[in-house]
Amino acid sequence: MKAVVIRTFGDPDGLEVVDVPAPVPAPGQVQIATEAIGVGGVDAVIRRGTLAAYGFREGHLLGSEVAGRITAVGEGVDASWIGRRVWAFTGLSGGYAEQAVAAVENVLALPDGLTGADAVTLGGSGVVAHFALERARLTRGETLLVRGAAGSIGITAVQLAARDGASAVAITTSSVERGARLRDLGATHVLDRSGEGGPGAPAGFDVVIDVVGGPQLPLFLDKLNPNGRYVAVGVVGGQPPADFGMRLMDAFRRSLSFATFSSDTVPGPDRQAVRSSQFADAAHGDLRTVVHEVLPLDQAAPAHRAMDAGEVFGRVVLVP
């Protein structure tokens, strides 16, 4: 089968399409003929070699979420899964391929009316957005800033916060056009990437959800109101300065809180329950997904170039 691996860490030219044997489902796993493959920010971080210290090596087969039809099951898995269209989390590898395997507990049947592209745009990111807002304890009437809102996590967070009654939902973005699209999804104020602009925007925020990280993170800590909560859900802009915690200590009397969040810490059944609800909402038009572009599997490198250049609004999806 065709698959995309990291030949060399670094820029997208290091990605390579190769022929590899199709994976065979182990006990407790299913095999999926992929019809849609999500291209996420974590894929770019792994590709750059940023996470090499965590065991990722050159030759790694990228991809963490797919949608498709189950073609085989491993020992101990109910055979009635065969033939069903599903979304699946494959871990942090194995998704950029014509066939993938996943543990059955990480598989969810797709409702009628939800495409595979929509599923891989919402499946992983929607859960992060939901539980990050829960971790931040955002309540009705509070103000929120979503930093890096043009990706699928930010797009979902904006919608959820607006739906749940936030009094202001500000976003950072790189263009007027993106700002207009995010307003259509529920944003009330549009700021530039440094968090400036936006006439009438709140001077401070009760909650910041940050997908970006990077060297400017301390500047956004300064935008928290007293008792404000900051939740970092990604580092697509790189790691923050090693001493960023000094910003919190300097503001000691404002009782600020900083947290990181990974959906890995949420029990699997809880993730699946939220995902199932969001899939149903999306199928009925109550939650919108934004697919930036659908590309063939062998165009993974251009997809990553677009991400690196900041050109993607929503999610790029690969198809075999």
Foldseek 3Di string as FASTA:
>chain_A
DWFWFQQDAAALVRIDIDDDDADDAAAQKFKFQFFKFFDDLVQNCVRNVVCVVVPRDGRFTAGFKTWGATCGHHPPDDPVSHGFIWIFTQDGHARLDRMGMHRPLRIDGFDPQADRLQCSLCQFLVLLLVVLCVVQVDAAAFEEEEQPLLESNNLNNQLVCQVRHHPAYEYEDDDPVSVVVSVVSHHDFYAYNLRDDTPPDDQAGQEYEYAAAAASVLSNLVRHAQNHEYEYEHHSNHHYDPVSCVSCVVPVVSNYYYYYDDCVPPDSVVSVVSSVVVSVCCSVVNGDADEQEEEESRCVSVLSVCVVVRNHRRIYMYGD
